Amino acid sequence: YASEWVTPQFRAITGYTWEEVRELGGWLRVIHPDDRAALVPFADRLL
């Protein structure tokens, strides 16, 4: 899923612009590696 719009506060929290997040390979790349696996049920529920 690609982002259509994010608030200005996004950069204040993460330090990134959304363009920089896309260049990293997406939002999952910003998430702490130890927490990525635990987000599978979250993603499955949304999908």
ModelCIF file with pLDDT and N, C-alpha, C, O atoms, coordinates in Angstrom:
data_MODEL
#
_entry.id   MODEL 
#
_entity.id                         1 
_entity.type                       polymer 
_entity.pdbx_number_of_molecules   1 
#
_entity_poly.entity_id                      1 
_entity_poly.type                           'polypeptide(L)' 
_entity_poly.nstd_linkage                   no 
_entity_poly.nstd_monomer                   no 
_entity_poly.pdbx_seq_one_letter_code       YASEWVTPQFRAITGYTWEEVRELGGWLRVIHPDDRAALVPFADRLL 
_entity_poly.pdbx_seq_one_letter_code_can   YASEWVTPQFRAITGYTWEEVRELGGWLRVIHPDDRAALVPFADRLL 
_entity_poly.pdbx_strand_id                 A 
#
loop_
_entity_poly_seq.entity_id 
_entity_poly_seq.num 
_entity_poly_seq.mon_id 
_entity_poly_seq.hetero 
1 1  TYR n 
1 2  ALA n 
1 3  SER n 
1 4  GLU n 
1 5  TRP n 
1 6  VAL n 
1 7  THR n 
1 8  PRO n 
1 9  GLN n 
1 10 PHE n 
1 11 ARG n 
1 12 ALA n 
1 13 ILE n 
1 14 THR n 
1 15 GLY n 
1 16 TYR n 
1 17 THR n 
1 18 TRP n 
1 19 GLU n 
1 20 GLU n 
1 21 VAL n 
1 22 ARG n 
1 23 GLU n 
1 24 LEU n 
1 25 GLY n 
1 26 GLY n 
1 27 TRP n 
1 28 LEU n 
1 29 ARG n 
1 30 VAL n 
1 31 ILE n 
1 32 HIS n 
1 33 PRO n 
1 34 ASP n 
1 35 ASP n 
1 36 ARG n 
1 37 ALA n 
1 38 ALA n 
1 39 LEU n 
1 40 VAL n 
1 41 PRO n 
1 42 PHE n 
1 43 ALA n 
1 44 ASP n 
1 45 ARG n 
1 46 LEU n 
1 47 LEU n 
#
_struct_asym.id          A 
_struct_asym.entity_id   1 
#
loop_
_ma_qa_metric.id 
_ma_qa_metric.mode 
_ma_qa_metric.name 
_ma_qa_metric.software_group_id 
_ma_qa_metric.type 
1 global pLDDT . pLDDT 
2 local  pLDDT . pLDDT 
#
_ma_qa_metric_global.metric_id      1 
_ma_qa_metric_global.metric_value   79.87 
_ma_qa_metric_global.model_id       1 
_ma_qa_metric_global.ordinal_id     1 
#
loop_
_ma_qa_metric_local.label_asym_id 
_ma_qa_metric_local.label_comp_id 
_ma_qa_metric_local.label_seq_id 
_ma_qa_metric_local.metric_id 
_ma_qa_metric_local.metric_value 
_ma_qa_metric_local.model_id 
_ma_qa_metric_local.ordinal_id 
A TYR 1  2 49.00 1 1  
A ALA 2  2 54.00 1 2  
A SER 3  2 59.00 1 3  
A GLU 4  2 62.00 1 4  
A TRP 5  2 65.00 1 5  
A VAL 6  2 72.00 1 6  
A THR 7  2 76.00 1 7  
A PRO 8  2 78.00 1 8  
A GLN 9  2 81.00 1 9  
A PHE 10 2 81.00 1 10 
A ARG 11 2 83.00 1 11 
A ALA 12 2 85.00 1 12 
A ILE 13 2 86.00 1 13 
A THR 14 2 87.00 1 14 
A GLY 15 2 87.00 1 15 
A TYR 16 2 85.00 1 16 
A THR 17 2 83.00 1 17 
A TRP 18 2 78.00 1 18 
A GLU 19 2 81.00 1 19 
A GLU 20 2 83.00 1 20 
A VAL 21 2 79.00 1 21 
A ARG 22 2 77.00 1 22 
A GLU 23 2 80.00 1 23 
A LEU 24 2 79.00 1 24 
A GLY 25 2 74.00 1 25 
A GLY 26 2 74.00 1 26 
A TRP 27 2 78.00 1 27 
A LEU 28 2 78.00 1 28 
A ARG 29 2 81.00 1 29 
A VAL 30 2 85.00 1 30 
A ILE 31 2 87.00 1 31 
A HIS 32 2 89.00 1 32 
A PRO 33 2 88.00 1 33 
A ASP 34 2 87.00 1 34 
A ASP 35 2 88.00 1 35 
A ARG 36 2 85.00 1 36 
A ALA 37 2 84.00 1 37 
A ALA 38 2 82.00 1 38 
A LEU 39 2 84.00 1 39 
A VAL 40 2 84.00 1 40 
A PRO 41 2 86.00 1 41 
A PHE 42 2 87.00 1 42 
A ALA 43 2 83.00 1 43 
A ASP 44 2 85.00 1 44 
A ARG 45 2 87.00 1 45 
A LEU 46 2 85.00 1 46 
A LEU 47 2 83.00 1 47 
#
loop_
_atom_site.group_PDB 
_atom_site.id 
_atom_site.type_symbol 
_atom_site.label_atom_id 
_atom_site.label_alt_id 
_atom_site.label_comp_id 
_atom_site.label_asym_id 
_atom_site.label_entity_id 
_atom_site.label_seq_id 
_atom_site.pdbx_PDB_ins_code 
_atom_site.Cartn_x 
_atom_site.Cartn_y 
_atom_site.Cartn_z 
_atom_site.occupancy 
_atom_site.B_iso_or_equiv 
_atom_site.pdbx_formal_charge 
_atom_site.auth_seq_id 
_atom_site.auth_comp_id 
_atom_site.auth_asym_id 
_atom_site.auth_atom_id 
_atom_site.pdbx_PDB_model_num 
ATOM 1   N N  . TYR A 1 1  ? 0.845  -1.188  0.000  1.00 49.00 ? 1  TYR A N  1 
ATOM 2   C CA . TYR A 1 1  ? 0.000  0.000   0.000  1.00 49.00 ? 1  TYR A CA 1 
ATOM 3   C C  . TYR A 1 1  ? 0.889  1.249   0.000  1.00 49.00 ? 1  TYR A C  1 
ATOM 4   O O  . TYR A 1 1  ? 1.757  1.406   0.858  1.00 49.00 ? 1  TYR A O  1 
ATOM 5   N N  . ALA A 1 2  ? 0.659  2.123   -0.967 1.00 54.00 ? 2  ALA A N  1 
ATOM 6   C CA . ALA A 1 2  ? 1.425  3.373   -1.076 1.00 54.00 ? 2  ALA A CA 1 
ATOM 7   C C  . ALA A 1 2  ? 0.676  4.481   -0.359 1.00 54.00 ? 2  ALA A C  1 
ATOM 8   O O  . ALA A 1 2  ? -0.551 4.454   -0.268 1.00 54.00 ? 2  ALA A O  1 
ATOM 9   N N  . SER A 1 3  ? 1.420  5.454   0.149  1.00 59.00 ? 3  SER A N  1 
ATOM 10  C CA . SER A 1 3  ? 0.791  6.545   0.891  1.00 59.00 ? 3  SER A CA 1 
ATOM 11  C C  . SER A 1 3  ? 0.314  7.632   -0.056 1.00 59.00 ? 3  SER A C  1 
ATOM 12  O O  . SER A 1 3  ? 1.025  8.037   -0.976 1.00 59.00 ? 3  SER A O  1 
ATOM 13  N N  . GLU A 1 4  ? -0.901 8.092   0.188  1.00 62.00 ? 4  GLU A N  1 
ATOM 14  C CA . GLU A 1 4  ? -1.429 9.213   -0.569 1.00 62.00 ? 4  GLU A CA 1 
ATOM 15  C C  . GLU A 1 4  ? -1.177 10.537  0.131  1.00 62.00 ? 4  GLU A C  1 
ATOM 16  O O  . GLU A 1 4  ? -0.991 11.574  -0.504 1.00 62.00 ? 4  GLU A O  1 
ATOM 17  N N  . TRP A 1 5  ? -1.178 10.473  1.491  1.00 65.00 ? 5  TRP A N  1 
ATOM 18  C CA . TRP A 1 5  ? -1.021 11.729  2.240  1.00 65.00 ? 5  TRP A CA 1 
ATOM 19  C C  . TRP A 1 5  ? -0.613 11.410  3.677  1.00 65.00 ? 5  TRP A C  1 
ATOM 20  O O  . TRP A 1 5  ? -1.130 10.467  4.276  1.00 65.00 ? 5  TRP A O  1 
ATOM 21  N N  . VAL A 1 6  ? 0.315  12.195  4.232  1.00 72.00 ? 6  VAL A N  1 
ATOM 22  C CA . VAL A 1 6  ? 0.686  12.104  5.648  1.00 72.00 ? 6  VAL A CA 1 
ATOM 23  C C  . VAL A 1 6  ? 0.704  13.514  6.224  1.00 72.00 ? 6  VAL A C  1 
ATOM 24  O O  . VAL A 1 6  ? 0.895  14.488  5.496  1.00 72.00 ? 6  VAL A O  1 
ATOM 25  N N  . THR A 1 7  ? 0.504  13.616  7.536  1.00 76.00 ? 7  THR A N  1 
ATOM 26  C CA . THR A 1 7  ? 0.464  14.925  8.185  1.00 76.00 ? 7  THR A CA 1 
ATOM 27  C C  . THR A 1 7  ? 1.882  15.473  8.368  1.00 76.00 ? 7  THR A C  1 
ATOM 28  O O  . THR A 1 7  ? 2.850  14.715  8.317  1.00 76.00 ? 7  THR A O  1 
ATOM 29  N N  . PRO A 1 8  ? 2.005  16.769  8.579  1.00 78.00 ? 8  PRO A N  1 
ATOM 30  C CA . PRO A 1 8  ? 3.341  17.341  8.841  1.00 78.00 ? 8  PRO A CA 1 
ATOM 31  C C  . PRO A 1 8  ? 3.975  16.790  10.115 1.00 78.00 ? 8  PRO A C  1 
ATOM 32  O O  . PRO A 1 8  ? 5.199  16.785  10.246 1.00 78.00 ? 8  PRO A O  1 
ATOM 33  N N  . GLN A 1 9  ? 3.147  16.325  11.057 1.00 81.00 ? 9  GLN A N  1 
ATOM 34  C CA . GLN A 1 9  ? 3.692  15.793  12.301 1.00 81.00 ? 9  GLN A CA 1 
ATOM 35  C C  . GLN A 1 9  ? 4.454  14.481  12.096 1.00 81.00 ? 9  GLN A C  1 
ATOM 36  O O  . GLN A 1 9  ? 5.242  14.069  12.948 1.00 81.00 ? 9  GLN A O  1 
ATOM 37  N N  . PHE A 1 10 ? 4.211  13.838  10.966 1.00 81.00 ? 10 PHE A N  1 
ATOM 38  C CA . PHE A 1 10 ? 4.896  12.575  10.696 1.00 81.00 ? 10 PHE A CA 1 
ATOM 39  C C  . PHE A 1 10 ? 6.407  12.759  10.742 1.00 81.00 ? 10 PHE A C  1 
ATOM 40  O O  . PHE A 1 10 ? 7.123  11.947  11.328 1.00 81.00 ? 10 PHE A O  1 
ATOM 41  N N  . ARG A 1 11 ? 6.885  13.835  10.118 1.00 83.00 ? 11 ARG A N  1 
ATOM 42  C CA . ARG A 1 11 ? 8.327  14.060  10.107 1.00 83.00 ? 11 ARG A CA 1 
ATOM 43  C C  . ARG A 1 11 ? 8.834  14.419  11.505 1.00 83.00 ? 11 ARG A C  1 
ATOM 44  O O  . ARG A 1 11 ? 9.947  14.051  11.880 1.00 83.00 ? 11 ARG A O  1 
ATOM 45  N N  . ALA A 1 12 ? 8.001  15.148  12.282 1.00 85.00 ? 12 ALA A N  1 
ATOM 46  C CA . ALA A 1 12 ? 8.418  15.518  13.629 1.00 85.00 ? 12 ALA A CA 1 
ATOM 47  C C  . ALA A 1 12 ? 8.621  14.269  14.493 1.00 85.00 ? 12 ALA A C  1 
ATOM 48  O O  . ALA A 1 12 ? 9.498  14.249  15.357 1.00 85.00 ? 12 ALA A O  1 
ATOM 49  N N  . ILE A 1 13 ? 7.814  13.229  14.262 1.00 86.00 ? 13 ILE A N  1 
ATOM 50  C CA . ILE A 1 13 ? 7.921  12.002  15.056 1.00 86.00 ? 13 ILE A CA 1 
ATOM 51  C C  . ILE A 1 13 ? 9.050  11.112  14.553 1.00 86.00 ? 13 ILE A C  1 
ATOM 52  O O  . ILE A 1 13 ? 9.843  10.604  15.345 1.00 86.00 ? 13 ILE A O  1 
ATOM 53  N N  . THR A 1 14 ? 9.125  10.924  13.244 1.00 87.00 ? 14 THR A N  1 
ATOM 54  C CA . THR A 1 14 ? 10.047 9.936   12.689 1.00 87.00 ? 14 THR A CA 1 
ATOM 55  C C  . THR A 1 14 ? 11.366 10.529  12.210 1.00 87.00 ? 14 THR A C  1 
ATOM 56  O O  . THR A 1 14 ? 12.377 9.830   12.142 1.00 87.00 ? 14 THR A O  1 
ATOM 57  N N  . GLY A 1 15 ? 11.355 11.814  11.879 1.00 87.00 ? 15 GLY A N  1 
ATOM 58  C CA . GLY A 1 15 ? 12.548 12.423  11.292 1.00 87.00 ? 15 GLY A CA 1 
ATOM 59  C C  . GLY A 1 15 ? 12.609 12.265  9.790  1.00 87.00 ? 15 GLY A C  1 
ATOM 60  O O  . GLY A 1 15 ? 13.460 12.870  9.138  1.00 87.00 ? 15 GLY A O  1 
ATOM 61  N N  . TYR A 1 16 ? 11.708 11.450  9.223  1.00 85.00 ? 16 TYR A N  1 
ATOM 62  C CA . TYR A 1 16 ? 11.695 11.194  7.785  1.00 85.00 ? 16 TYR A CA 1 
ATOM 63  C C  . TYR A 1 16 ? 10.566 11.959  7.097  1.00 85.00 ? 16 TYR A C  1 
ATOM 64  O O  . TYR A 1 16 ? 9.538  12.245  7.710  1.00 85.00 ? 16 TYR A O  1 
ATOM 65  N N  . THR A 1 17 ? 10.765 12.286  5.820  1.00 83.00 ? 17 THR A N  1 
ATOM 66  C CA . THR A 1 17 ? 9.642  12.603  4.948  1.00 83.00 ? 17 THR A CA 1 
ATOM 67  C C  . THR A 1 17 ? 9.119  11.274  4.403  1.00 83.00 ? 17 THR A C  1 
ATOM 68  O O  . THR A 1 17 ? 9.810  10.257  4.461  1.00 83.00 ? 17 THR A O  1 
ATOM 69  N N  . TRP A 1 18 ? 7.889  11.289  3.870  1.00 78.00 ? 18 TRP A N  1 
ATOM 70  C CA . TRP A 1 18 ? 7.375  10.028  3.332  1.00 78.00 ? 18 TRP A CA 1 
ATOM 71  C C  . TRP A 1 18 ? 8.167  9.570   2.113  1.00 78.00 ? 18 TRP A C  1 
ATOM 72  O O  . TRP A 1 18 ? 8.294  8.371   1.864  1.00 78.00 ? 18 TRP A O  1 
ATOM 73  N N  . GLU A 1 19 ? 8.695  10.519  1.359  1.00 81.00 ? 19 GLU A N  1 
ATOM 74  C CA . GLU A 1 19 ? 9.523  10.150  0.209  1.00 81.00 ? 19 GLU A CA 1 
ATOM 75  C C  . GLU A 1 19 ? 10.753 9.368   0.678  1.00 81.00 ? 19 GLU A C  1 
ATOM 76  O O  . GLU A 1 19 ? 11.150 8.392   0.043  1.00 81.00 ? 19 GLU A O  1 
ATOM 77  N N  . GLU A 1 20 ? 11.355 9.802   1.797  1.00 83.00 ? 20 GLU A N  1 
ATOM 78  C CA . GLU A 1 20 ? 12.519 9.092   2.328  1.00 83.00 ? 20 GLU A CA 1 
ATOM 79  C C  . GLU A 1 20 ? 12.139 7.696   2.807  1.00 83.00 ? 20 GLU A C  1 
ATOM 80  O O  . GLU A 1 20 ? 12.927 6.759   2.673  1.00 83.00 ? 20 GLU A O  1 
ATOM 81  N N  . VAL A 1 21 ? 10.940 7.550   3.363  1.00 79.00 ? 21 VAL A N  1 
ATOM 82  C CA . VAL A 1 21 ? 10.471 6.238   3.789  1.00 79.00 ? 21 VAL A CA 1 
ATOM 83  C C  . VAL A 1 21 ? 10.330 5.310   2.587  1.00 79.00 ? 21 VAL A C  1 
ATOM 84  O O  . VAL A 1 21 ? 10.699 4.138   2.658  1.00 79.00 ? 21 VAL A O  1 
ATOM 85  N N  . ARG A 1 22 ? 9.800  5.830   1.490  1.00 77.00 ? 22 ARG A N  1 
ATOM 86  C CA . ARG A 1 22 ? 9.662  5.011   0.274  1.00 77.00 ? 22 ARG A CA 1 
ATOM 87  C C  . ARG A 1 22 ? 11.023 4.583   -0.260 1.00 77.00 ? 22 ARG A C  1 
ATOM 88  O O  . ARG A 1 22 ? 11.202 3.460   -0.729 1.00 77.00 ? 22 ARG A O  1 
ATOM 89  N N  . GLU A 1 23 ? 11.980 5.512   -0.175 1.00 80.00 ? 23 GLU A N  1 
ATOM 90  C CA . GLU A 1 23 ? 13.327 5.173   -0.653 1.00 80.00 ? 23 GLU A CA 1 
ATOM 91  C C  . GLU A 1 23 ? 13.964 4.073   0.189  1.00 80.00 ? 23 GLU A C  1 
ATOM 92  O O  . GLU A 1 23 ? 14.770 3.290   -0.314 1.00 80.00 ? 23 GLU A O  1 
ATOM 93  N N  . LEU A 1 24 ? 13.601 4.010   1.482  1.00 79.00 ? 24 LEU A N  1 
ATOM 94  C CA . LEU A 1 24 ? 14.111 2.956   2.354  1.00 79.00 ? 24 LEU A CA 1 
ATOM 95  C C  . LEU A 1 24 ? 13.502 1.591   2.031  1.00 79.00 ? 24 LEU A C  1 
ATOM 96  O O  . LEU A 1 24 ? 14.059 0.552   2.384  1.00 79.00 ? 24 LEU A O  1 
ATOM 97  N N  . GLY A 1 25 ? 12.345 1.609   1.351  1.00 74.00 ? 25 GLY A N  1 
ATOM 98  C CA . GLY A 1 25 ? 11.672 0.355   1.041  1.00 74.00 ? 25 GLY A CA 1 
ATOM 99  C C  . GLY A 1 25 ? 10.321 0.217   1.702  1.00 74.00 ? 25 GLY A C  1 
ATOM 100 O O  . GLY A 1 25 ? 9.745  -0.871  1.701  1.00 74.00 ? 25 GLY A O  1 
ATOM 101 N N  . GLY A 1 26 ? 9.794  1.307   2.275  1.00 74.00 ? 26 GLY A N  1 
ATOM 102 C CA . GLY A 1 26 ? 8.472  1.267   2.873  1.00 74.00 ? 26 GLY A CA 1 
ATOM 103 C C  . GLY A 1 26 ? 8.486  1.398   4.386  1.00 74.00 ? 26 GLY A C  1 
ATOM 104 O O  . GLY A 1 26 ? 9.540  1.378   5.021  1.00 74.00 ? 26 GLY A O  1 
ATOM 105 N N  . TRP A 1 27 ? 7.304  1.530   4.943  1.00 78.00 ? 27 TRP A N  1 
ATOM 106 C CA . TRP A 1 27 ? 7.134  1.794   6.371  1.00 78.00 ? 27 TRP A CA 1 
ATOM 107 C C  . TRP A 1 27 ? 7.705  0.677   7.241  1.00 78.00 ? 27 TRP A C  1 
ATOM 108 O O  . TRP A 1 27 ? 8.218  0.938   8.329  1.00 78.00 ? 27 TRP A O  1 
ATOM 109 N N  . LEU A 1 28 ? 7.619  -0.569  6.765  1.00 78.00 ? 28 LEU A N  1 
ATOM 110 C CA . LEU A 1 28 ? 8.126  -1.686  7.554  1.00 78.00 ? 28 LEU A CA 1 
ATOM 111 C C  . LEU A 1 28 ? 9.621  -1.545  7.837  1.00 78.00 ? 28 LEU A C  1 
ATOM 112 O O  . LEU A 1 28 ? 10.118 -2.054  8.841  1.00 78.00 ? 28 LEU A O  1 
ATOM 113 N N  . ARG A 1 29 ? 10.341 -0.848  6.940  1.00 81.00 ? 29 ARG A N  1 
ATOM 114 C CA . ARG A 1 29 ? 11.778 -0.672  7.155  1.00 81.00 ? 29 ARG A CA 1 
ATOM 115 C C  . ARG A 1 29 ? 12.077 0.281   8.313  1.00 81.00 ? 29 ARG A C  1 
ATOM 116 O O  . ARG A 1 29 ? 13.169 0.254   8.880  1.00 81.00 ? 29 ARG A O  1 
ATOM 117 N N  . VAL A 1 30 ? 11.114 1.111   8.657  1.00 85.00 ? 30 VAL A N  1 
ATOM 118 C CA . VAL A 1 30 ? 11.289 2.048   9.764  1.00 85.00 ? 30 VAL A CA 1 
ATOM 119 C C  . VAL A 1 30 ? 10.988 1.364   11.096 1.00 85.00 ? 30 VAL A C  1 
ATOM 120 O O  . VAL A 1 30 ? 11.540 1.734   12.133 1.00 85.00 ? 30 VAL A O  1 
ATOM 121 N N  . ILE A 1 31 ? 10.105 0.360   11.059 1.00 87.00 ? 31 ILE A N  1 
ATOM 122 C CA . ILE A 1 31 ? 9.718  -0.350  12.278 1.00 87.00 ? 31 ILE A CA 1 
ATOM 123 C C  . ILE A 1 31 ? 10.911 -1.144  12.815 1.00 87.00 ? 31 ILE A C  1 
ATOM 124 O O  . ILE A 1 31 ? 11.683 -1.724  12.052 1.00 87.00 ? 31 ILE A O  1 
ATOM 125 N N  . HIS A 1 32 ? 11.044 -1.156  14.134 1.00 89.00 ? 32 HIS A N  1 
ATOM 126 C CA . HIS A 1 32 ? 12.142 -1.880  14.781 1.00 89.00 ? 32 HIS A CA 1 
ATOM 127 C C  . HIS A 1 32 ? 12.125 -3.342  14.336 1.00 89.00 ? 32 HIS A C  1 
ATOM 128 O O  . HIS A 1 32 ? 11.066 -3.970  14.324 1.00 89.00 ? 32 HIS A O  1 
ATOM 129 N N  . PRO A 1 33 ? 13.277 -3.887  13.973 1.00 88.00 ? 33 PRO A N  1 
ATOM 130 C CA . PRO A 1 33 ? 13.303 -5.271  13.465 1.00 88.00 ? 33 PRO A CA 1 
ATOM 131 C C  . PRO A 1 33 ? 12.682 -6.283  14.420 1.00 88.00 ? 33 PRO A C  1 
ATOM 132 O O  . PRO A 1 33 ? 12.066 -7.253  13.978 1.00 88.00 ? 33 PRO A O  1 
ATOM 133 N N  . ASP A 1 34 ? 12.837 -6.071  15.711 1.00 87.00 ? 34 ASP A N  1 
ATOM 134 C CA . ASP A 1 34 ? 12.304 -7.030  16.686 1.00 87.00 ? 34 ASP A CA 1 
ATOM 135 C C  . ASP A 1 34 ? 10.783 -7.003  16.770 1.00 87.00 ? 34 ASP A C  1 
ATOM 136 O O  . ASP A 1 34 ? 10.178 -7.925  17.315 1.00 87.00 ? 34 ASP A O  1 
ATOM 137 N N  . ASP A 1 35 ? 10.156 -5.950  16.233 1.00 88.00 ? 35 ASP A N  1 
ATOM 138 C CA . ASP A 1 35 ? 8.701  -5.816  16.336 1.00 88.00 ? 35 ASP A CA 1 
ATOM 139 C C  . ASP A 1 35 ? 7.978  -6.141  15.034 1.00 88.00 ? 35 ASP A C  1 
ATOM 140 O O  . ASP A 1 35 ? 6.748  -6.172  15.007 1.00 88.00 ? 35 ASP A O  1 
ATOM 141 N N  . ARG A 1 36 ? 8.710  -6.379  13.971 1.00 85.00 ? 36 ARG A N  1 
ATOM 142 C CA . ARG A 1 36 ? 8.043  -6.572  12.674 1.00 85.00 ? 36 ARG A CA 1 
ATOM 143 C C  . ARG A 1 36 ? 7.202  -7.837  12.639 1.00 85.00 ? 36 ARG A C  1 
ATOM 144 O O  . ARG A 1 36 ? 6.082  -7.825  12.129 1.00 85.00 ? 36 ARG A O  1 
ATOM 145 N N  . ALA A 1 37 ? 7.729  -8.922  13.174 1.00 84.00 ? 37 ALA A N  1 
ATOM 146 C CA . ALA A 1 37 ? 6.988  -10.181 13.136 1.00 84.00 ? 37 ALA A CA 1 
ATOM 147 C C  . ALA A 1 37 ? 5.677  -10.087 13.906 1.00 84.00 ? 37 ALA A C  1 
ATOM 148 O O  . ALA A 1 37 ? 4.676  -10.690 13.519 1.00 84.00 ? 37 ALA A O  1 
ATOM 149 N N  . ALA A 1 38 ? 5.688  -9.312  15.020 1.00 82.00 ? 38 ALA A N  1 
ATOM 150 C CA . ALA A 1 38 ? 4.483  -9.190  15.845 1.00 82.00 ? 38 ALA A CA 1 
ATOM 151 C C  . ALA A 1 38 ? 3.382  -8.404  15.141 1.00 82.00 ? 38 ALA A C  1 
ATOM 152 O O  . ALA A 1 38 ? 2.234  -8.428  15.585 1.00 82.00 ? 38 ALA A O  1 
ATOM 153 N N  . LEU A 1 39 ? 3.709  -7.705  14.046 1.00 84.00 ? 39 LEU A N  1 
ATOM 154 C CA . LEU A 1 39 ? 2.710  -6.908  13.332 1.00 84.00 ? 39 LEU A CA 1 
ATOM 155 C C  . LEU A 1 39 ? 1.954  -7.716  12.286 1.00 84.00 ? 39 LEU A C  1 
ATOM 156 O O  . LEU A 1 39 ? 1.043  -7.190  11.646 1.00 84.00 ? 39 LEU A O  1 
ATOM 157 N N  . VAL A 1 40 ? 2.310  -8.977  12.099 1.00 84.00 ? 40 VAL A N  1 
ATOM 158 C CA . VAL A 1 40 ? 1.616  -9.795  11.103 1.00 84.00 ? 40 VAL A CA 1 
ATOM 159 C C  . VAL A 1 40 ? 0.124  -9.895  11.392 1.00 84.00 ? 40 VAL A C  1 
ATOM 160 O O  . VAL A 1 40 ? -0.667 -9.702  10.469 1.00 84.00 ? 40 VAL A O  1 
ATOM 161 N N  . PRO A 1 41 ? -0.318 -10.191 12.642 1.00 86.00 ? 41 PRO A N  1 
ATOM 162 C CA . PRO A 1 41 ? -1.773 -10.226 12.907 1.00 86.00 ? 41 PRO A CA 1 
ATOM 163 C C  . PRO A 1 41 ? -2.451 -8.882  12.667 1.00 86.00 ? 41 PRO A C  1 
ATOM 164 O O  . PRO A 1 41 ? -3.593 -8.836  12.209 1.00 86.00 ? 41 PRO A O  1 
ATOM 165 N N  . PHE A 1 42 ? -1.753 -7.785  12.974 1.00 87.00 ? 42 PHE A N  1 
ATOM 166 C CA . PHE A 1 42 ? -2.291 -6.439  12.722 1.00 87.00 ? 42 PHE A CA 1 
ATOM 167 C C  . PHE A 1 42 ? -2.556 -6.253  11.235 1.00 87.00 ? 42 PHE A C  1 
ATOM 168 O O  . PHE A 1 42 ? -3.628 -5.794  10.841 1.00 87.00 ? 42 PHE A O  1 
ATOM 169 N N  . ALA A 1 43 ? -1.579 -6.610  10.415 1.00 83.00 ? 43 ALA A N  1 
ATOM 170 C CA . ALA A 1 43 ? -1.740 -6.455  8.965  1.00 83.00 ? 43 ALA A CA 1 
ATOM 171 C C  . ALA A 1 43 ? -2.818 -7.387  8.428  1.00 83.00 ? 43 ALA A C  1 
ATOM 172 O O  . ALA A 1 43 ? -3.623 -6.988  7.587  1.00 83.00 ? 43 ALA A O  1 
ATOM 173 N N  . ASP A 1 44 ? -2.836 -8.626  8.909  1.00 85.00 ? 44 ASP A N  1 
ATOM 174 C CA . ASP A 1 44 ? -3.840 -9.581  8.428  1.00 85.00 ? 44 ASP A CA 1 
ATOM 175 C C  . ASP A 1 44 ? -5.253 -9.098  8.722  1.00 85.00 ? 44 ASP A C  1 
ATOM 176 O O  . ASP A 1 44 ? -6.161 -9.261  7.906  1.00 85.00 ? 44 ASP A O  1 
ATOM 177 N N  . ARG A 1 45 ? -5.428 -8.497  9.908  1.00 87.00 ? 45 ARG A N  1 
ATOM 178 C CA . ARG A 1 45 ? -6.766 -8.022  10.269 1.00 87.00 ? 45 ARG A CA 1 
ATOM 179 C C  . ARG A 1 45 ? -7.204 -6.885  9.347  1.00 87.00 ? 45 ARG A C  1 
ATOM 180 O O  . ARG A 1 45 ? -8.359 -6.839  8.924  1.00 87.00 ? 45 ARG A O  1 
ATOM 181 N N  . LEU A 1 46 ? -6.297 -5.980  9.040  1.00 85.00 ? 46 LEU A N  1 
ATOM 182 C CA . LEU A 1 46 ? -6.626 -4.875  8.141  1.00 85.00 ? 46 LEU A CA 1 
ATOM 183 C C  . LEU A 1 46 ? -6.956 -5.375  6.735  1.00 85.00 ? 46 LEU A C  1 
ATOM 184 O O  . LEU A 1 46 ? -7.930 -4.932  6.126  1.00 85.00 ? 46 LEU A O  1 
ATOM 185 N N  . LEU A 1 47 ? -6.148 -6.292  6.229  1.00 83.00 ? 47 LEU A N  1 
ATOM 186 C CA . LEU A 1 47 ? -6.365 -6.811  4.875  1.00 83.00 ? 47 LEU A CA 1 
ATOM 187 C C  . LEU A 1 47 ? -7.652 -7.620  4.786  1.00 83.00 ? 47 LEU A C  1 
ATOM 188 O O  . LEU A 1 47 ? -7.989 -8.130  3.717  1.00 83.00 ? 47 LEU A O  1 
#
